[in-house]
PDB file of N, CA and C in Angstrom:
ATOM      1  N   MET A   1     -36.063 -39.351 -44.152  1.00  0.00           N
ATOM      2  CA  MET A   1     -36.907 -38.633 -43.492  1.00  0.00           C
ATOM      3  C   MET A   1     -37.012 -39.256 -41.803  1.00  0.00           C
ATOM      4  N   LYS A   2     -36.044 -40.540 -41.415  1.00  0.00           N
ATOM      5  CA  LYS A   2     -35.831 -40.528 -39.893  1.00  0.00           C
ATOM      6  C   LYS A   2     -34.831 -39.270 -40.158  1.00  0.00           C
ATOM      7  N   SER A   3     -34.233 -39.389 -40.510  1.00  0.00           N
ATOM      8  CA  SER A   3     -33.282 -38.075 -39.537  1.00  0.00           C
ATOM      9  C   SER A   3     -33.822 -36.580 -38.932  1.00  0.00           C
ATOM     10  N   ILE A   4     -34.681 -36.244 -40.407  1.00  0.00           N
ATOM     11  CA  ILE A   4     -35.376 -35.296 -40.030  1.00  0.00           C
ATOM     12  C   ILE A   4     -36.689 -35.316 -38.505  1.00  0.00           C
ATOM     13  N   VAL A   5     -36.873 -36.708 -38.645  1.00  0.00           N
ATOM     14  CA  VAL A   5     -37.448 -36.968 -37.316  1.00  0.00           C
ATOM     15  C   VAL A   5     -36.321 -37.141 -36.169  1.00  0.00           C
ATOM     16  N   ILE A   6     -35.676 -37.466 -35.889  1.00  0.00           N
ATOM     17  CA  ILE A   6     -34.356 -37.908 -34.939  1.00  0.00           C
ATOM     18  C   ILE A   6     -34.184 -36.024 -34.261  1.00  0.00           C
ATOM     19  N   ILE A   7     -33.898 -35.489 -35.665  1.00  0.00           N
ATOM     20  CA  ILE A   7     -33.177 -34.382 -35.115  1.00  0.00           C
ATOM     21  C   ILE A   7     -34.923 -32.997 -34.828  1.00  0.00           C
ATOM     22  N   ALA A   8     -35.360 -32.812 -34.822  1.00  0.00           N
ATOM     23  CA  ALA A   8     -36.947 -32.832 -34.564  1.00  0.00           C
ATOM     24  C   ALA A   8     -36.940 -33.243 -33.416  1.00  0.00           C
ATOM     25  N   LEU A   9     -36.733 -34.487 -32.418  1.00  0.00           N
ATOM     26  CA  LEU A   9     -37.292 -33.867 -31.346  1.00  0.00           C
ATOM     27  C   LEU A   9     -35.452 -34.502 -30.681  1.00  0.00           C
ATOM     28  N   LEU A  10     -34.512 -34.472 -30.980  1.00  0.00           N
ATOM     29  CA  LEU A  10     -33.570 -33.565 -30.310  1.00  0.00           C
ATOM     30  C   LEU A  10     -33.589 -32.201 -29.893  1.00  0.00           C
ATOM     31  N   CYS A  11     -34.425 -31.321 -30.783  1.00  0.00           N
ATOM     32  CA  CYS A  11     -34.563 -30.142 -30.555  1.00  0.00           C
ATOM     33  C   CYS A  11     -35.756 -29.588 -28.808  1.00  0.00           C
ATOM     34  N   PHE A  12     -36.516 -30.501 -29.056  1.00  0.00           N
ATOM     35  CA  PHE A  12     -37.145 -30.342 -27.952  1.00  0.00           C
ATOM     36  C   PHE A  12     -36.994 -31.346 -26.512  1.00  0.00           C
ATOM     37  N   LEU A  13     -35.824 -32.026 -26.408  1.00  0.00           N
ATOM     38  CA  LEU A  13     -34.855 -32.648 -24.838  1.00  0.00           C
ATOM     39  C   LEU A  13     -34.496 -31.514 -24.362  1.00  0.00           C
ATOM     40  N   PRO A  14     -34.468 -31.024 -23.238  1.00  0.00           N
ATOM     41  CA  PRO A  14     -33.663 -30.761 -21.699  1.00  0.00           C
ATOM     42  C   PRO A  14     -32.660 -30.956 -22.087  1.00  0.00           C
ATOM     43  N   ILE A  15     -32.330 -29.227 -21.988  1.00  0.00           N
ATOM     44  CA  ILE A  15     -30.816 -29.516 -22.300  1.00  0.00           C
ATOM     45  C   ILE A  15     -29.970 -28.772 -20.601  1.00  0.00           C
ATOM     46  N   ALA A  16     -28.664 -29.163 -20.450  1.00  0.00           N
ATOM     47  CA  ALA A  16     -28.554 -28.319 -19.101  1.00  0.00           C
ATOM     48  C   ALA A  16     -28.045 -27.056 -19.181  1.00  0.00           C
ATOM     49  N   ALA A  17     -28.243 -26.439 -18.428  1.00  0.00           N
ATOM     50  CA  ALA A  17     -27.857 -24.735 -18.649  1.00  0.00           C
ATOM     51  C   ALA A  17     -26.734 -24.796 -17.713  1.00  0.00           C
ATOM     52  N   GLN A  18     -26.035 -24.281 -18.411  1.00  0.00           N
ATOM     53  CA  GLN A  18     -24.702 -23.658 -17.620  1.00  0.00           C
ATOM     54  C   GLN A  18     -24.762 -22.468 -17.046  1.00  0.00           C
ATOM     55  N   ALA A  19     -25.046 -21.840 -15.637  1.00  0.00           N
ATOM     56  CA  ALA A  19     -24.741 -20.934 -15.307  1.00  0.00           C
ATOM     57  C   ALA A  19     -23.647 -19.948 -15.128  1.00  0.00           C
ATOM     58  N   HIS A  20     -23.511 -19.392 -15.015  1.00  0.00           N
ATOM     59  CA  HIS A  20     -22.498 -18.222 -13.918  1.00  0.00           C
ATOM     60  C   HIS A  20     -22.940 -17.714 -12.450  1.00  0.00           C
ATOM     61  N   ALA A  21     -21.842 -17.182 -11.796  1.00  0.00           N
ATOM     62  CA  ALA A  21     -22.465 -16.779 -10.478  1.00  0.00           C
ATOM     63  C   ALA A  21     -22.520 -15.303 -10.603  1.00  0.00           C
ATOM     64  N   ARG A  22     -23.577 -14.653 -10.718  1.00  0.00           N
ATOM     65  CA  ARG A  22     -23.438 -13.522 -10.871  1.00  0.00           C
ATOM     66  C   ARG A  22     -24.088 -13.035  -9.466  1.00  0.00           C
ATOM     67  N   LEU A  23     -23.165 -11.341  -8.936  1.00  0.00           N
ATOM     68  CA  LEU A  23     -23.358 -10.338  -8.173  1.00  0.00           C
ATOM     69  C   LEU A  23     -24.969 -10.409  -8.471  1.00  0.00           C
ATOM     70  N   ASN A  24     -26.084 -10.652  -7.074  1.00  0.00           N
ATOM     71  CA  ASN A  24     -27.468 -10.454  -7.823  1.00  0.00           C
ATOM     72  C   ASN A  24     -27.493  -9.622  -6.589  1.00  0.00           C
ATOM     73  N   HIS A  25     -27.203  -8.594  -5.496  1.00  0.00           N
ATOM     74  CA  HIS A  25     -27.322  -7.414  -4.422  1.00  0.00           C
ATOM     75  C   HIS A  25     -26.544  -7.397  -3.400  1.00  0.00           C
ATOM     76  N   ALA A  26     -26.378  -6.909  -3.030  1.00  0.00           N
ATOM     77  CA  ALA A  26     -25.020  -6.365  -1.793  1.00  0.00           C
ATOM     78  C   ALA A  26     -25.714  -5.465  -0.802  1.00  0.00           C
ATOM     79  N   SER A  27     -25.342  -5.680   0.822  1.00  0.00           N
ATOM     80  CA  SER A  27     -25.179  -5.161   1.587  1.00  0.00           C
ATOM     81  C   SER A  27     -23.252  -4.588   2.322  1.00  0.00           C
ATOM     82  N   PRO A  28     -23.200  -3.112   1.746  1.00  0.00           N
ATOM     83  CA  PRO A  28     -23.762  -1.982   1.206  1.00  0.00           C
ATOM     84  C   PRO A  28     -24.464  -1.990  -0.160  1.00  0.00           C
ATOM     85  N   ARG A  29     -25.867  -1.598  -0.563  1.00  0.00           N
ATOM     86  CA  ARG A  29     -25.995  -1.855  -2.021  1.00  0.00           C
ATOM     87  C   ARG A  29     -24.372  -1.021  -2.521  1.00  0.00           C
ATOM     88  N   VAL A  30     -24.599  -1.436  -4.199  1.00  0.00           N
ATOM     89  CA  VAL A  30     -23.837  -1.414  -4.843  1.00  0.00           C
ATOM     90  C   VAL A  30     -23.782   0.040  -4.866  1.00  0.00           C
ATOM     91  N   GLY A  31     -22.470   0.758  -4.876  1.00  0.00           N
ATOM     92  CA  GLY A  31     -22.676   2.092  -5.417  1.00  0.00           C
ATOM     93  C   GLY A  31     -23.790   3.320  -4.159  1.00  0.00           C
ATOM     94  N   SER A  32     -23.667   2.880  -3.192  1.00  0.00           N
ATOM     95  CA  SER A  32     -25.069   3.482  -1.900  1.00  0.00           C
ATOM     96  C   SER A  32     -23.908   4.152  -1.277  1.00  0.00           C
ATOM     97  N   THR A  33     -24.639   5.050  -0.452  1.00  0.00           N
ATOM     98  CA  THR A  33     -23.854   5.721   0.642  1.00  0.00           C
ATOM     99  C   THR A  33     -25.233   5.224   1.810  1.00  0.00           C
ATOM    100  N   VAL A  34     -24.395   4.911   2.773  1.00  0.00           N
ATOM    101  CA  VAL A  34     -23.951   4.527   3.844  1.00  0.00           C
ATOM    102  C   VAL A  34     -24.310   5.500   5.090  1.00  0.00           C
ATOM    103  N   ALA A  35     -24.582   6.007   5.929  1.00  0.00           N
ATOM    104  CA  ALA A  35     -24.725   6.995   7.825  1.00  0.00           C
ATOM    105  C   ALA A  35     -23.896   6.304   8.207  1.00  0.00           C
ATOM    106  N   ALA A  36     -23.756   5.202   8.208  1.00  0.00           N
ATOM    107  CA  ALA A  36     -22.864   4.405   9.713  1.00  0.00           C
ATOM    108  C   ALA A  36     -21.841   3.717   8.720  1.00  0.00           C
ATOM    109  N   ALA A  37     -20.772   3.495   9.426  1.00  0.00           N
ATOM    110  CA  ALA A  37     -19.756   2.754   8.522  1.00  0.00           C
ATOM    111  C   ALA A  37     -20.388   0.791   8.986  1.00  0.00           C
ATOM    112  N   PRO A  38     -20.891  -0.361   8.301  1.00  0.00           N
ATOM    113  CA  PRO A  38     -20.733  -1.287   8.693  1.00  0.00           C
ATOM    114  C   PRO A  38     -20.072  -1.664   9.273  1.00  0.00           C
ATOM    115  N   LYS A  39     -19.998  -2.620  10.064  1.00  0.00           N
ATOM    116  CA  LYS A  39     -19.530  -4.156  10.725  1.00  0.00           C
ATOM    117  C   LYS A  39     -19.280  -5.026   9.339  1.00  0.00           C
ATOM    118  N   GLU A  40     -19.334  -5.537   7.986  1.00  0.00           N
ATOM    119  CA  GLU A  40     -19.941  -6.309   7.363  1.00  0.00           C
ATOM    120  C   GLU A  40     -20.391  -6.180   5.887  1.00  0.00           C
ATOM    121  N   LEU A  41     -19.784  -6.559   4.418  1.00  0.00           N
ATOM    122  CA  LEU A  41     -19.592  -6.655   3.913  1.00  0.00           C
ATOM    123  C   LEU A  41     -20.727  -7.969   3.654  1.00  0.00           C
ATOM    124  N   SER A  42     -22.045  -7.672   2.652  1.00  0.00           N
ATOM    125  CA  SER A  42     -22.821  -9.573   2.506  1.00  0.00           C
ATOM    126  C   SER A  42     -22.979  -9.214   0.886  1.00  0.00           C
ATOM    127  N   MET A  43     -22.192 -10.164   0.418  1.00  0.00           N
ATOM    128  CA  MET A  43     -22.700 -10.385  -1.122  1.00  0.00           C
ATOM    129  C   MET A  43     -24.063 -11.890  -1.060  1.00  0.00           C
ATOM    130  N   TRP A  44     -24.934 -11.414  -2.643  1.00  0.00           N
ATOM    131  CA  TRP A  44     -26.229 -12.513  -2.600  1.00  0.00           C
ATOM    132  C   TRP A  44     -25.704 -13.153  -4.319  1.00  0.00           C
ATOM    133  N   PHE A  45     -25.153 -14.246  -4.702  1.00  0.00           N
ATOM    134  CA  PHE A  45     -25.012 -14.135  -6.184  1.00  0.00           C
ATOM    135  C   PHE A  45     -26.308 -15.525  -6.083  1.00  0.00           C
ATOM    136  N   THR A  46     -26.042 -15.682  -8.177  1.00  0.00           N
ATOM    137  CA  THR A  46     -27.406 -16.663  -8.529  1.00  0.00           C
ATOM    138  C   THR A  46     -27.217 -18.162  -8.428  1.00  0.00           C
ATOM    139  N   GLU A  47     -25.936 -18.558  -7.979  1.00  0.00           N
ATOM    140  CA  GLU A  47     -25.580 -19.907  -8.006  1.00  0.00           C
ATOM    141  C   GLU A  47     -25.094 -20.188  -6.958  1.00  0.00           C
ATOM    142  N   LYS A  48     -24.946 -21.151  -6.006  1.00  0.00           N
ATOM    143  CA  LYS A  48     -23.961 -21.552  -4.882  1.00  0.00           C
ATOM    144  C   LYS A  48     -22.385 -21.575  -5.430  1.00  0.00           C
ATOM    145  N   LEU A  49     -21.400 -20.939  -3.976  1.00  0.00           N
ATOM    146  CA  LEU A  49     -19.906 -20.467  -4.230  1.00  0.00           C
ATOM    147  C   LEU A  49     -19.659 -21.764  -4.081  1.00  0.00           C
ATOM    148  N   GLU A  50     -18.193 -22.165  -4.059  1.00  0.00           N
ATOM    149  CA  GLU A  50     -17.717 -22.717  -3.556  1.00  0.00           C
ATOM    150  C   GLU A  50     -16.328 -22.118  -2.639  1.00  0.00           C
ATOM    151  N   PRO A  51     -16.810 -22.225  -1.781  1.00  0.00           N
ATOM    152  CA  PRO A  51     -16.171 -21.473  -0.053  1.00  0.00           C
ATOM    153  C   PRO A  51     -14.888 -21.316  -0.024  1.00  0.00           C
ATOM    154  N   ALA A  52     -13.678 -22.559  -1.023  1.00  0.00           N
ATOM    155  CA  ALA A  52     -12.312 -22.064  -1.163  1.00  0.00           C
ATOM    156  C   ALA A  52     -11.542 -21.387  -2.751  1.00  0.00           C
ATOM    157  N   PHE A  53     -12.690 -21.150  -3.193  1.00  0.00           N
ATOM    158  CA  PHE A  53     -12.258 -20.482  -4.552  1.00  0.00           C
ATOM    159  C   PHE A  53     -13.087 -19.065  -4.099  1.00  0.00           C
ATOM    160  N   SER A  54     -13.728 -18.442  -3.620  1.00  0.00           N
ATOM    161  CA  SER A  54     -14.220 -17.231  -3.528  1.00  0.00           C
ATOM    162  C   SER A  54     -14.468 -16.271  -2.266  1.00  0.00           C
ATOM    163  N   THR A  55     -13.746 -15.204  -2.931  1.00  0.00           N
ATOM    164  CA  THR A  55     -12.435 -13.906  -2.103  1.00  0.00           C
ATOM    165  C   THR A  55     -13.484 -12.549  -2.377  1.00  0.00           C
ATOM    166  N   ALA A  56     -13.453 -11.846  -1.053  1.00  0.00           N
ATOM    167  CA  ALA A  56     -13.874 -10.488  -2.165  1.00  0.00           C
ATOM    168  C   ALA A  56     -12.474  -9.691  -0.678  1.00  0.00           C
ATOM    169  N   GLU A  57     -12.067  -8.194  -0.958  1.00  0.00           N
ATOM    170  CA  GLU A  57     -11.607  -7.643  -0.074  1.00  0.00           C
ATOM    171  C   GLU A  57     -12.243  -6.332  -0.613  1.00  0.00           C
ATOM    172  N   VAL A  58     -12.026  -4.846   0.692  1.00  0.00           N
ATOM    173  CA  VAL A  58     -12.804  -3.884   0.745  1.00  0.00           C
ATOM    174  C   VAL A  58     -11.394  -3.010   0.292  1.00  0.00           C
ATOM    175  N   ARG A  59     -11.207  -1.844  -0.284  1.00  0.00           N
ATOM    176  CA  ARG A  59     -10.267  -1.424   0.014  1.00  0.00           C
ATOM    177  C   ARG A  59     -10.872  -0.054   0.072  1.00  0.00           C
ATOM    178  N   ASN A  60      -9.433   0.786   0.722  1.00  0.00           N
ATOM    179  CA  ASN A  60     -10.415   1.807   0.577  1.00  0.00           C
ATOM    180  C   ASN A  60      -9.803   3.495  -0.087  1.00  0.00           C
ATOM    181  N   ALA A  61      -9.462   4.406  -0.489  1.00  0.00           N
ATOM    182  CA  ALA A  61      -9.729   5.401  -1.495  1.00  0.00           C
ATOM    183  C   ALA A  61      -7.821   5.352  -1.896  1.00  0.00           C
ATOM    184  N   GLN A  62      -6.993   5.142  -0.722  1.00  0.00           N
ATOM    185  CA  GLN A  62      -5.644   4.557  -0.348  1.00  0.00           C
ATOM    186  C   GLN A  62      -5.154   2.757  -1.169  1.00  0.00           C
ATOM    187  N   GLY A  63      -5.682   2.933  -1.625  1.00  0.00           N
ATOM    188  CA  GLY A  63      -6.134   0.798  -1.702  1.00  0.00           C
ATOM    189  C   GLY A  63      -5.418   0.490  -0.409  1.00  0.00           C
ATOM    190  N   ALA A  64      -5.506   0.567   0.521  1.00  0.00           N
ATOM    191  CA  ALA A  64      -5.190  -0.841   2.121  1.00  0.00           C
ATOM    192  C   ALA A  64      -6.655  -1.353   2.433  1.00  0.00           C
ATOM    193  N   VAL A  65      -6.198  -2.546   2.666  1.00  0.00           N
ATOM    194  CA  VAL A  65      -7.228  -3.745   2.913  1.00  0.00           C
ATOM    195  C   VAL A  65      -8.030  -3.435   3.516  1.00  0.00           C
ATOM    196  N   GLN A  66      -9.581  -3.109   3.502  1.00  0.00           N
ATOM    197  CA  GLN A  66      -9.982  -2.402   5.226  1.00  0.00           C
ATOM    198  C   GLN A  66     -10.800  -4.139   5.680  1.00  0.00           C
ATOM    199  N   SER A  67     -10.722  -5.105   5.102  1.00  0.00           N
ATOM    200  CA  SER A  67     -11.277  -6.168   4.911  1.00  0.00           C
ATOM    201  C   SER A  67     -10.579  -7.856   6.301  1.00  0.00           C
ATOM    202  N   GLY A  68     -11.589  -8.762   6.877  1.00  0.00           N
ATOM    203  CA  GLY A  68     -10.581  -9.878   7.040  1.00  0.00           C
ATOM    204  C   GLY A  68     -11.129 -10.613   5.305  1.00  0.00           C
ATOM    205  N   LYS A  69     -10.782 -12.316   6.309  1.00  0.00           N
ATOM    206  CA  LYS A  69     -11.767 -12.961   5.617  1.00  0.00           C
ATOM    207  C   LYS A  69     -12.454 -13.174   5.104  1.00  0.00           C
ATOM    208  N   ALA A  70     -12.882 -13.228   4.078  1.00  0.00           N
ATOM    209  CA  ALA A  70     -14.332 -13.900   3.674  1.00  0.00           C
ATOM    210  C   ALA A  70     -14.706 -15.274   3.845  1.00  0.00           C
ATOM    211  N   ARG A  71     -16.369 -15.014   4.231  1.00  0.00           N
ATOM    212  CA  ARG A  71     -16.820 -16.567   4.959  1.00  0.00           C
ATOM    213  C   ARG A  71     -18.251 -16.755   3.324  1.00  0.00           C
ATOM    214  N   VAL A  72     -18.040 -18.005   3.081  1.00  0.00           N
ATOM    215  CA  VAL A  72     -19.387 -18.219   2.194  1.00  0.00           C
ATOM    216  C   VAL A  72     -20.113 -19.101   2.873  1.00  0.00           C
ATOM    217  N   ASP A  73     -21.621 -18.486   2.558  1.00  0.00           N
ATOM    218  CA  ASP A  73     -22.556 -19.268   3.077  1.00  0.00           C
ATOM    219  C   ASP A  73     -23.510 -19.683   1.960  1.00  0.00           C
ATOM    220  N   GLY A  74     -23.764 -20.614   1.355  1.00  0.00           N
ATOM    221  CA  GLY A  74     -24.487 -21.426   0.289  1.00  0.00           C
ATOM    222  C   GLY A  74     -24.209 -20.095  -1.101  1.00  0.00           C
ATOM    223  N   THR A  75     -24.794 -19.080  -1.049  1.00  0.00           N
ATOM    224  CA  THR A  75     -24.888 -18.285  -2.451  1.00  0.00           C
ATOM    225  C   THR A  75     -24.372 -17.188  -1.846  1.00  0.00           C
ATOM    226  N   VAL A  76     -24.112 -17.031  -0.581  1.00  0.00           N
ATOM    227  CA  VAL A  76     -24.246 -15.450   0.182  1.00  0.00           C
ATOM    228  C   VAL A  76     -22.126 -15.436   0.295  1.00  0.00           C
ATOM    229  N   LEU A  77     -21.597 -13.760  -0.091  1.00  0.00           N
ATOM    230  CA  LEU A  77     -20.522 -13.964   0.214  1.00  0.00           C
ATOM    231  C   LEU A  77     -19.919 -12.798   1.508  1.00  0.00           C
ATOM    232  N   HIS A  78     -19.499 -13.730   2.609  1.00  0.00           N
ATOM    233  CA  HIS A  78     -19.992 -12.815   3.723  1.00  0.00           C
ATOM    234  C   HIS A  78     -18.164 -11.976   4.262  1.00  0.00           C
ATOM    235  N   VAL A  79     -18.548 -11.033   4.028  1.00  0.00           N
ATOM    236  CA  VAL A  79     -16.784  -9.814   4.395  1.00  0.00           C
ATOM    237  C   VAL A  79     -16.299  -9.135   5.715  1.00  0.00           C
ATOM    238  N   PRO A  80     -15.581  -9.037   6.730  1.00  0.00           N
ATOM    239  CA  PRO A  80     -15.980  -8.926   8.649  1.00  0.00           C
ATOM    240  C   PRO A  80     -15.212  -7.532   7.089  1.00  0.00           C
ATOM    241  N   LEU A  81     -15.455  -6.411   8.619  1.00  0.00           N
ATOM    242  CA  LEU A  81     -14.812  -4.972   7.549  1.00  0.00           C
ATOM    243  C   LEU A  81     -14.120  -4.447   9.482  1.00  0.00           C
ATOM    244  N   GLN A  82     -12.874  -4.011   8.807  1.00  0.00           N
ATOM    245  CA  GLN A  82     -12.472  -2.916   9.885  1.00  0.00           C
ATOM    246  C   GLN A  82     -13.620  -1.958   9.762  1.00  0.00           C
ATOM    247  N   SER A  83     -13.251  -1.622  11.060  1.00  0.00           N
ATOM    248  CA  SER A  83     -13.304   0.638  11.585  1.00  0.00           C
ATOM    249  C   SER A  83     -13.577   0.681   9.805  1.00  0.00           C
ATOM    250  N   LEU A  84     -14.340   1.353   9.777  1.00  0.00           N
ATOM    251  CA  LEU A  84     -14.466   2.430   8.390  1.00  0.00           C
ATOM    252  C   LEU A  84     -14.604   3.632   8.765  1.00  0.00           C
ATOM    253  N   SER A  85     -13.398   4.224   8.014  1.00  0.00           N
ATOM    254  CA  SER A  85     -13.794   6.480   8.569  1.00  0.00           C
ATOM    255  C   SER A  85     -14.743   6.170   7.140  1.00  0.00           C
ATOM    256  N   PRO A  86     -15.655   7.169   7.008  1.00  0.00           N
ATOM    257  CA  PRO A  86     -16.096   8.003   6.323  1.00  0.00           C
ATOM    258  C   PRO A  86     -14.990   8.391   4.909  1.00  0.00           C
ATOM    259  N   GLY A  87     -15.834   7.561   3.848  1.00  0.00           N
ATOM    260  CA  GLY A  87     -14.752   7.719   2.652  1.00  0.00           C
ATOM    261  C   GLY A  87     -15.723   6.970   2.008  1.00  0.00           C
ATOM    262  N   THR A  88     -14.933   6.799   0.451  1.00  0.00           N
ATOM    263  CA  THR A  88     -15.372   6.152  -0.452  1.00  0.00           C
ATOM    264  C   THR A  88     -14.786   4.557  -0.716  1.00  0.00           C
ATOM    265  N   TYR A  89     -15.326   3.464  -0.984  1.00  0.00           N
ATOM    266  CA  TYR A  89     -14.289   1.627  -0.794  1.00  0.00           C
ATOM    267  C   TYR A  89     -14.884   1.356  -1.674  1.00  0.00           C
ATOM    268  N   THR A  90     -13.921   0.926  -2.323  1.00  0.00           N
ATOM    269  CA  THR A  90     -13.912   0.325  -3.213  1.00  0.00           C
ATOM    270  C   THR A  90     -14.113  -1.557  -3.046  1.00  0.00           C
ATOM    271  N   VAL A  91     -15.095  -3.005  -3.567  1.00  0.00           N
ATOM    272  CA  VAL A  91     -14.850  -3.308  -3.151  1.00  0.00           C
ATOM    273  C   VAL A  91     -14.723  -4.395  -4.074  1.00  0.00           C
ATOM    274  N   ASN A  92     -14.002  -5.742  -4.691  1.00  0.00           N
ATOM    275  CA  ASN A  92     -12.581  -6.524  -5.394  1.00  0.00           C
ATOM    276  C   ASN A  92     -13.625  -8.219  -5.160  1.00  0.00           C
ATOM    277  N   TRP A  93     -14.413  -7.995  -6.040  1.00  0.00           N
ATOM    278  CA  TRP A  93     -14.815 -10.190  -5.856  1.00  0.00           C
ATOM    279  C   TRP A  93     -14.664 -10.832  -6.808  1.00  0.00           C
ATOM    280  N   ARG A  94     -13.571 -12.119  -6.598  1.00  0.00           N
ATOM    281  CA  ARG A  94     -13.861 -13.068  -7.645  1.00  0.00           C
ATOM    282  C   ARG A  94     -14.485 -14.296  -6.768  1.00  0.00           C
ATOM    283  N   VAL A  95     -15.717 -14.994  -7.352  1.00  0.00           N
ATOM    284  CA  VAL A  95     -15.825 -16.033  -7.237  1.00  0.00           C
ATOM    285  C   VAL A  95     -16.246 -16.951  -8.201  1.00  0.00           C
ATOM    286  N   LEU A  96     -15.494 -18.418  -7.457  1.00  0.00           N
ATOM    287  CA  LEU A  96     -16.667 -19.909  -8.241  1.00  0.00           C
ATOM    288  C   LEU A  96     -17.674 -20.174  -7.913  1.00  0.00           C
ATOM    289  N   SER A  97     -18.524 -20.826  -8.610  1.00  0.00           N
ATOM    290  CA  SER A  97     -19.512 -21.580  -8.477  1.00  0.00           C
ATOM    291  C   SER A  97     -19.849 -22.636  -8.594  1.00  0.00           C
ATOM    292  N   VAL A  98     -19.931 -23.398  -7.733  1.00  0.00           N
ATOM    293  CA  VAL A  98     -20.266 -25.042  -7.436  1.00  0.00           C
ATOM    294  C   VAL A  98     -20.550 -25.423  -9.426  1.00  0.00           C
ATOM    295  N   ASP A  99     -20.513 -25.127 -10.603  1.00  0.00           N
ATOM    296  CA  ASP A  99     -20.638 -25.383 -11.495  1.00  0.00           C
ATOM    297  C   ASP A  99     -19.227 -25.361 -12.411  1.00  0.00           C
ATOM    298  N   THR A 100     -17.903 -25.153 -11.611  1.00  0.00           N
ATOM    299  CA  THR A 100     -16.900 -24.517 -11.705  1.00  0.00           C
ATOM    300  C   THR A 100     -16.513 -23.375 -12.852  1.00  0.00           C
ATOM    301  N   HIS A 101     -17.707 -22.643 -12.221  1.00  0.00           N
ATOM    302  CA  HIS A 101     -17.269 -21.210 -13.479  1.00  0.00           C
ATOM    303  C   HIS A 101     -16.703 -20.212 -12.193  1.00  0.00           C
ATOM    304  N   ARG A 102     -15.683 -19.372 -13.110  1.00  0.00           N
ATOM    305  CA  ARG A 102     -15.389 -18.376 -12.571  1.00  0.00           C
ATOM    306  C   ARG A 102     -16.003 -17.151 -13.238  1.00  0.00           C
ATOM    307  N   THR A 103     -16.518 -16.161 -12.248  1.00  0.00           N
ATOM    308  CA  THR A 103     -16.827 -14.415 -12.519  1.00  0.00           C
ATOM    309  C   THR A 103     -16.035 -13.841 -11.931  1.00  0.00           C
ATOM    310  N   GLN A 104     -15.857 -12.350 -11.713  1.00  0.00           N
ATOM    311  CA  GLN A 104     -15.587 -11.112 -11.058  1.00  0.00           C
ATOM    312  C   GLN A 104     -15.625 -10.601 -11.724  1.00  0.00           C
ATOM    313  N   GLY A 105     -15.455  -9.204  -9.846  1.00  0.00           N
ATOM    314  CA  GLY A 105     -16.423  -7.980 -10.469  1.00  0.00           C
ATOM    315  C   GLY A 105     -15.870  -7.050  -9.588  1.00  0.00           C
ATOM    316  N   SER A 106     -16.193  -5.981  -9.488  1.00  0.00           N
ATOM    317  CA  SER A 106     -15.956  -4.429  -8.487  1.00  0.00           C
ATOM    318  C   SER A 106     -16.789  -3.506  -9.018  1.00  0.00           C
ATOM    319  N   PHE A 107     -17.307  -3.151  -7.536  1.00  0.00           N
ATOM    320  CA  PHE A 107     -17.948  -2.162  -6.998  1.00  0.00           C
ATOM    321  C   PHE A 107     -17.828  -0.770  -5.519  1.00  0.00           C
ATOM    322  N   THR A 108     -17.673   0.184  -5.668  1.00  0.00           N
ATOM    323  CA  THR A 108     -18.348   0.613  -4.504  1.00  0.00           C
ATOM    324  C   THR A 108     -19.022   0.859  -3.753  1.00  0.00           C
ATOM    325  N   PHE A 109     -19.061   2.039  -2.788  1.00  0.00           N
ATOM    326  CA  PHE A 109     -20.289   2.511  -1.918  1.00  0.00           C
ATOM    327  C   PHE A 109     -19.313   3.238  -0.979  1.00  0.00           C
ATOM    328  N   THR A 110     -20.368   4.315  -0.178  1.00  0.00           N
ATOM    329  CA  THR A 110     -19.232   5.774   0.273  1.00  0.00           C
ATOM    330  C   THR A 110     -20.500   4.870   1.781  1.00  0.00           C
ATOM    331  N   VAL A 111     -19.122   5.671   3.014  1.00  0.00           N
ATOM    332  CA  VAL A 111     -19.188   5.658   4.418  1.00  0.00           C
ATOM    333  C   VAL A 111     -19.363   7.035   4.161  1.00  0.00           C
ATOM    334  N   GLY A 112     -20.117   7.760   5.042  1.00  0.00           N
ATOM    335  CA  GLY A 112     -20.895   8.918   5.933  1.00  0.00           C
ATOM    336  C   GLY A 112     -21.256  10.322   4.611  1.00  0.00           C
ATOM    337  N   HIS A 113     -20.331  11.207   3.905  1.00  0.00           N
ATOM    338  CA  HIS A 113     -20.231  12.292   2.860  1.00  0.00           C
ATOM    339  C   HIS A 113     -22.024  12.089   2.873  1.00  0.00           C
TER     340      HIS A 113
END
């Protein structure tokens, strides 16, 4: 009987959630078309990021990197951009959240068209 009570009590104890930093939204928005070329790409994540292990790059259709070194501000990853010509750009990102979980992904946005 005691073991049933102990098991029942353990079911109600709070459990620490281990989350992963997921991309919440970006500017320019994922899949969007913007009229003017942005000077910076910003990506908001659901968890705080480790600056030393979080990065992103923006490539043009030919695969050339069009971005500078990414900078982390809490849950936001900022990426400075070169002067972008009209076209579609691919963003590849890899981040490490402060709880040590790695996530990565990619998306596109278009300038002009």
